[in-house]
Structures are given as structure tokens and as C-alpha cells.
Amino acid sequence: MQKKVPLRQCLGCREMKPKKELMRVVRAPEGEVSLDFKGKSPGRGAYVCASAECLKKAVKSRALERALGVEIPETIYEALNERTEETDG
């Protein structure tokens, strides 16, 4: 029997994809927002595809802010942008 693959929804394209293919942004219980590349950090998580197009859509619609309930620092968006350039380039 094959193991079930956890799926999460991308906030940019709204497609369900395997959790490992997505980038996770976490709001810790203390309210601090950070990137979680291992997928194990405690707190509320929101997922975005590793494509620049999906990230642009998520930023434009403020989907990350709505999903996490806090304002996202510019440094988080910059780090996500760098990560998408690594995977796209």
C-alpha cells in the first residue's frame, strides 16, 4: 500500500500540490513570521508554489496576510523572491 502524500493549496494559483513542492511561510505562536524550509516549525502555515508567477499573485491579492492574520515583513517577500529565482533559474 502506497503512503498518502500530504497536499496543500498554493495561495497564488489555488492548486492542490504535494507539500514538499511548496514554500511554507509560518506565523509562530509569538506572532513572528518566518520561512520554514523543513516544514516542521510550529505555528500557522501558508503555502506558495516556488514559481515567480504564483508568488506575484499571492502578493498582489495579499493572500499570505489574510491566511496568517498578520502583516508580512518585506524581508519575507524578498527571501521568497530569491527562492523562486533559484528554482526558476
N, C-alpha and C. Protein backbone atom coordinates (compact mmCIF):
# COMPACT_ATOMS: atom_id res chain seq x y z
N MET A 1 0.84 -1.18 0.00
CA MET A 1 0.00 0.00 0.00
C MET A 1 0.88 1.25 0.00
N GLN A 2 0.58 2.18 -0.90
CA GLN A 2 1.39 3.39 -1.04
C GLN A 2 1.03 4.41 0.04
N LYS A 3 2.06 5.10 0.55
CA LYS A 3 1.86 6.10 1.59
C LYS A 3 1.14 7.32 1.02
N LYS A 4 0.22 7.89 1.78
CA LYS A 4 -0.55 9.05 1.34
C LYS A 4 0.35 10.29 1.32
N VAL A 5 0.32 11.03 0.20
CA VAL A 5 1.12 12.24 0.04
C VAL A 5 0.31 13.44 0.55
N PRO A 6 0.86 14.19 1.54
CA PRO A 6 0.10 15.34 2.03
C PRO A 6 0.04 16.45 0.98
N LEU A 7 -1.17 16.97 0.75
CA LEU A 7 -1.38 18.04 -0.23
C LEU A 7 -1.71 19.34 0.49
N ARG A 8 -1.25 20.44 -0.09
CA ARG A 8 -1.57 21.77 0.42
C ARG A 8 -1.94 22.67 -0.76
N GLN A 9 -2.70 23.72 -0.49
CA GLN A 9 -3.13 24.62 -1.56
C GLN A 9 -2.19 25.81 -1.66
N CYS A 10 -1.75 26.09 -2.88
CA CYS A 10 -0.92 27.26 -3.15
C CYS A 10 -1.81 28.50 -3.08
N LEU A 11 -1.35 29.55 -2.42
CA LEU A 11 -2.14 30.77 -2.30
C LEU A 11 -2.10 31.61 -3.56
N GLY A 12 -1.20 31.30 -4.49
CA GLY A 12 -1.12 32.04 -5.75
C GLY A 12 -2.04 31.46 -6.80
N CYS A 13 -1.81 30.20 -7.18
CA CYS A 13 -2.59 29.57 -8.25
C CYS A 13 -3.81 28.81 -7.72
N ARG A 14 -3.90 28.63 -6.40
CA ARG A 14 -5.01 27.95 -5.74
C ARG A 14 -5.11 26.46 -6.09
N GLU A 15 -4.00 25.86 -6.56
CA GLU A 15 -3.99 24.43 -6.90
C GLU A 15 -3.48 23.62 -5.71
N MET A 16 -4.01 22.41 -5.58
CA MET A 16 -3.54 21.49 -4.56
C MET A 16 -2.28 20.81 -5.08
N LYS A 17 -1.20 20.87 -4.32
CA LYS A 17 0.07 20.27 -4.74
C LYS A 17 0.70 19.56 -3.55
N PRO A 18 1.62 18.62 -3.82
CA PRO A 18 2.32 17.96 -2.71
C PRO A 18 3.06 18.99 -1.85
N LYS A 19 2.98 18.81 -0.55
CA LYS A 19 3.56 19.74 0.41
C LYS A 19 5.04 20.03 0.15
N LYS A 20 5.79 19.04 -0.28
CA LYS A 20 7.23 19.20 -0.50
C LYS A 20 7.56 20.13 -1.67
N GLU A 21 6.62 20.32 -2.60
CA GLU A 21 6.85 21.19 -3.76
C GLU A 21 6.61 22.66 -3.45
N LEU A 22 6.04 22.96 -2.28
CA LEU A 22 5.65 24.32 -1.94
C LEU A 22 6.57 24.94 -0.91
N MET A 23 6.60 26.29 -0.89
CA MET A 23 7.35 27.02 0.13
C MET A 23 6.38 27.37 1.24
N ARG A 24 6.83 27.25 2.50
CA ARG A 24 5.95 27.49 3.65
C ARG A 24 6.37 28.75 4.39
N VAL A 25 5.39 29.61 4.65
CA VAL A 25 5.59 30.80 5.48
C VAL A 25 4.83 30.52 6.77
N VAL A 26 5.48 30.77 7.92
CA VAL A 26 4.90 30.42 9.21
C VAL A 26 4.74 31.63 10.11
N ARG A 27 3.60 31.70 10.79
CA ARG A 27 3.43 32.65 11.87
C ARG A 27 3.54 31.85 13.15
N ALA A 28 4.62 32.10 13.90
CA ALA A 28 4.86 31.39 15.15
C ALA A 28 3.81 31.80 16.18
N PRO A 29 3.63 31.00 17.23
CA PRO A 29 2.66 31.36 18.28
C PRO A 29 2.92 32.74 18.89
N GLU A 30 4.18 33.19 18.88
CA GLU A 30 4.52 34.52 19.42
C GLU A 30 4.16 35.63 18.44
N GLY A 31 3.82 35.27 17.19
CA GLY A 31 3.44 36.27 16.19
C GLY A 31 4.54 36.58 15.18
N GLU A 32 5.71 35.99 15.35
CA GLU A 32 6.82 36.22 14.43
C GLU A 32 6.61 35.46 13.14
N VAL A 33 6.86 36.11 12.00
CA VAL A 33 6.69 35.48 10.69
C VAL A 33 8.05 35.09 10.15
N SER A 34 8.16 33.86 9.62
CA SER A 34 9.43 33.39 9.07
C SER A 34 9.17 32.36 7.98
N LEU A 35 10.24 32.01 7.25
CA LEU A 35 10.15 30.95 6.24
C LEU A 35 10.50 29.63 6.90
N ASP A 36 9.85 28.58 6.46
CA ASP A 36 10.09 27.25 7.02
C ASP A 36 10.37 26.29 5.87
N PHE A 37 11.66 25.97 5.68
CA PHE A 37 12.03 25.11 4.56
C PHE A 37 11.93 23.64 4.91
N LYS A 38 11.91 23.29 6.19
CA LYS A 38 11.80 21.89 6.59
C LYS A 38 10.34 21.46 6.76
N GLY A 39 9.44 22.41 6.95
CA GLY A 39 8.02 22.07 7.12
C GLY A 39 7.68 21.58 8.50
N LYS A 40 8.54 21.85 9.49
CA LYS A 40 8.33 21.33 10.83
C LYS A 40 8.14 22.40 11.89
N SER A 41 8.31 23.68 11.54
CA SER A 41 8.19 24.75 12.54
C SER A 41 6.77 24.84 13.08
N PRO A 42 6.64 25.09 14.40
CA PRO A 42 5.31 25.21 14.97
C PRO A 42 4.66 26.53 14.57
N GLY A 43 3.37 26.51 14.42
CA GLY A 43 2.64 27.72 14.10
C GLY A 43 1.74 27.56 12.90
N ARG A 44 1.10 28.64 12.52
CA ARG A 44 0.17 28.67 11.39
C ARG A 44 0.96 28.78 10.10
N GLY A 45 0.74 27.88 9.17
CA GLY A 45 1.49 27.88 7.92
C GLY A 45 0.64 28.26 6.72
N ALA A 46 1.30 28.89 5.74
CA ALA A 46 0.67 29.21 4.47
C ALA A 46 1.64 28.80 3.37
N TYR A 47 1.14 28.32 2.26
CA TYR A 47 1.98 27.73 1.22
C TYR A 47 1.87 28.47 -0.10
N VAL A 48 3.01 28.57 -0.80
CA VAL A 48 3.07 29.19 -2.12
C VAL A 48 3.98 28.33 -3.00
N CYS A 49 3.62 28.18 -4.28
CA CYS A 49 4.47 27.47 -5.23
C CYS A 49 5.82 28.16 -5.33
N ALA A 50 6.81 27.44 -5.79
CA ALA A 50 8.14 28.01 -5.97
C ALA A 50 8.29 28.66 -7.34
N SER A 51 7.21 29.27 -7.84
CA SER A 51 7.28 29.97 -9.12
C SER A 51 7.02 31.46 -8.89
N ALA A 52 7.70 32.30 -9.66
CA ALA A 52 7.58 33.74 -9.51
C ALA A 52 6.15 34.20 -9.79
N GLU A 53 5.49 33.56 -10.74
CA GLU A 53 4.12 33.94 -11.11
C GLU A 53 3.16 33.74 -9.93
N CYS A 54 3.25 32.59 -9.27
CA CYS A 54 2.38 32.32 -8.12
C CYS A 54 2.66 33.29 -6.98
N LEU A 55 3.93 33.58 -6.75
CA LEU A 55 4.30 34.50 -5.68
C LEU A 55 3.73 35.89 -5.96
N LYS A 56 3.82 36.35 -7.22
CA LYS A 56 3.28 37.66 -7.58
C LYS A 56 1.77 37.72 -7.31
N LYS A 57 1.05 36.65 -7.69
CA LYS A 57 -0.39 36.60 -7.46
C LYS A 57 -0.71 36.65 -5.96
N ALA A 58 0.05 35.90 -5.17
CA ALA A 58 -0.18 35.85 -3.72
C ALA A 58 0.10 37.21 -3.08
N VAL A 59 1.14 37.90 -3.55
CA VAL A 59 1.48 39.22 -3.01
C VAL A 59 0.42 40.24 -3.40
N LYS A 60 0.03 40.21 -4.67
CA LYS A 60 -0.95 41.18 -5.18
C LYS A 60 -2.29 41.05 -4.45
N SER A 61 -2.72 39.83 -4.21
CA SER A 61 -4.02 39.61 -3.56
C SER A 61 -3.92 39.64 -2.03
N ARG A 62 -2.71 39.84 -1.52
CA ARG A 62 -2.45 39.85 -0.07
C ARG A 62 -2.91 38.55 0.60
N ALA A 63 -2.79 37.45 -0.13
CA ALA A 63 -3.26 36.15 0.36
C ALA A 63 -2.48 35.67 1.58
N LEU A 64 -1.17 35.92 1.61
CA LEU A 64 -0.37 35.50 2.77
C LEU A 64 -0.82 36.24 4.03
N GLU A 65 -1.05 37.53 3.92
CA GLU A 65 -1.50 38.31 5.07
C GLU A 65 -2.84 37.80 5.60
N ARG A 66 -3.76 37.51 4.67
CA ARG A 66 -5.08 37.02 5.08
C ARG A 66 -4.97 35.63 5.71
N ALA A 67 -4.14 34.77 5.14
CA ALA A 67 -4.02 33.40 5.64
C ALA A 67 -3.40 33.36 7.04
N LEU A 68 -2.43 34.24 7.28
CA LEU A 68 -1.72 34.22 8.56
C LEU A 68 -2.28 35.21 9.57
N GLY A 69 -3.07 36.16 9.10
CA GLY A 69 -3.68 37.12 10.01
C GLY A 69 -2.73 38.19 10.54
N VAL A 70 -1.59 38.37 9.89
CA VAL A 70 -0.63 39.42 10.29
C VAL A 70 -0.04 40.06 9.05
N GLU A 71 0.59 41.22 9.23
CA GLU A 71 1.26 41.86 8.11
C GLU A 71 2.60 41.14 7.88
N ILE A 72 2.91 40.86 6.62
CA ILE A 72 4.14 40.14 6.28
C ILE A 72 5.27 41.15 6.06
N PRO A 73 6.40 40.98 6.77
CA PRO A 73 7.53 41.90 6.57
C PRO A 73 8.10 41.78 5.15
N GLU A 74 8.62 42.89 4.65
CA GLU A 74 9.20 42.93 3.30
C GLU A 74 10.34 41.92 3.16
N THR A 75 11.08 41.66 4.24
CA THR A 75 12.20 40.72 4.19
C THR A 75 11.74 39.31 3.82
N ILE A 76 10.53 38.94 4.25
CA ILE A 76 9.99 37.61 3.93
C ILE A 76 9.71 37.53 2.43
N TYR A 77 9.11 38.58 1.87
CA TYR A 77 8.85 38.59 0.43
C TYR A 77 10.14 38.55 -0.37
N GLU A 78 11.17 39.26 0.10
CA GLU A 78 12.47 39.24 -0.58
C GLU A 78 13.08 37.84 -0.57
N ALA A 79 13.00 37.17 0.59
CA ALA A 79 13.54 35.81 0.70
C ALA A 79 12.77 34.85 -0.20
N LEU A 80 11.45 34.99 -0.26
CA LEU A 80 10.65 34.14 -1.15
C LEU A 80 11.02 34.39 -2.60
N ASN A 81 11.22 35.65 -2.95
CA ASN A 81 11.61 36.02 -4.32
C ASN A 81 12.94 35.38 -4.70
N GLU A 82 13.91 35.44 -3.78
CA GLU A 82 15.22 34.81 -4.03
C GLU A 82 15.05 33.31 -4.26
N ARG A 83 14.20 32.70 -3.45
CA ARG A 83 13.99 31.25 -3.55
C ARG A 83 13.35 30.88 -4.90
N THR A 84 12.41 31.70 -5.39
CA THR A 84 11.77 31.40 -6.67
C THR A 84 12.77 31.58 -7.80
N GLU A 85 13.66 32.56 -7.71
CA GLU A 85 14.68 32.76 -8.73
C GLU A 85 15.64 31.58 -8.80
N GLU A 86 15.95 30.99 -7.64
CA GLU A 86 16.81 29.80 -7.60
C GLU A 86 16.17 28.63 -8.32
N THR A 87 14.87 28.43 -8.11
CA THR A 87 14.20 27.28 -8.72
C THR A 87 13.86 27.53 -10.18
N ASP A 88 13.50 28.79 -10.52
CA ASP A 88 13.18 29.10 -11.93
C ASP A 88 14.44 29.19 -12.79
N GLY A 89 15.51 29.74 -12.22
CA GLY A 89 16.70 30.00 -12.99
C GLY A 89 17.50 28.78 -13.22
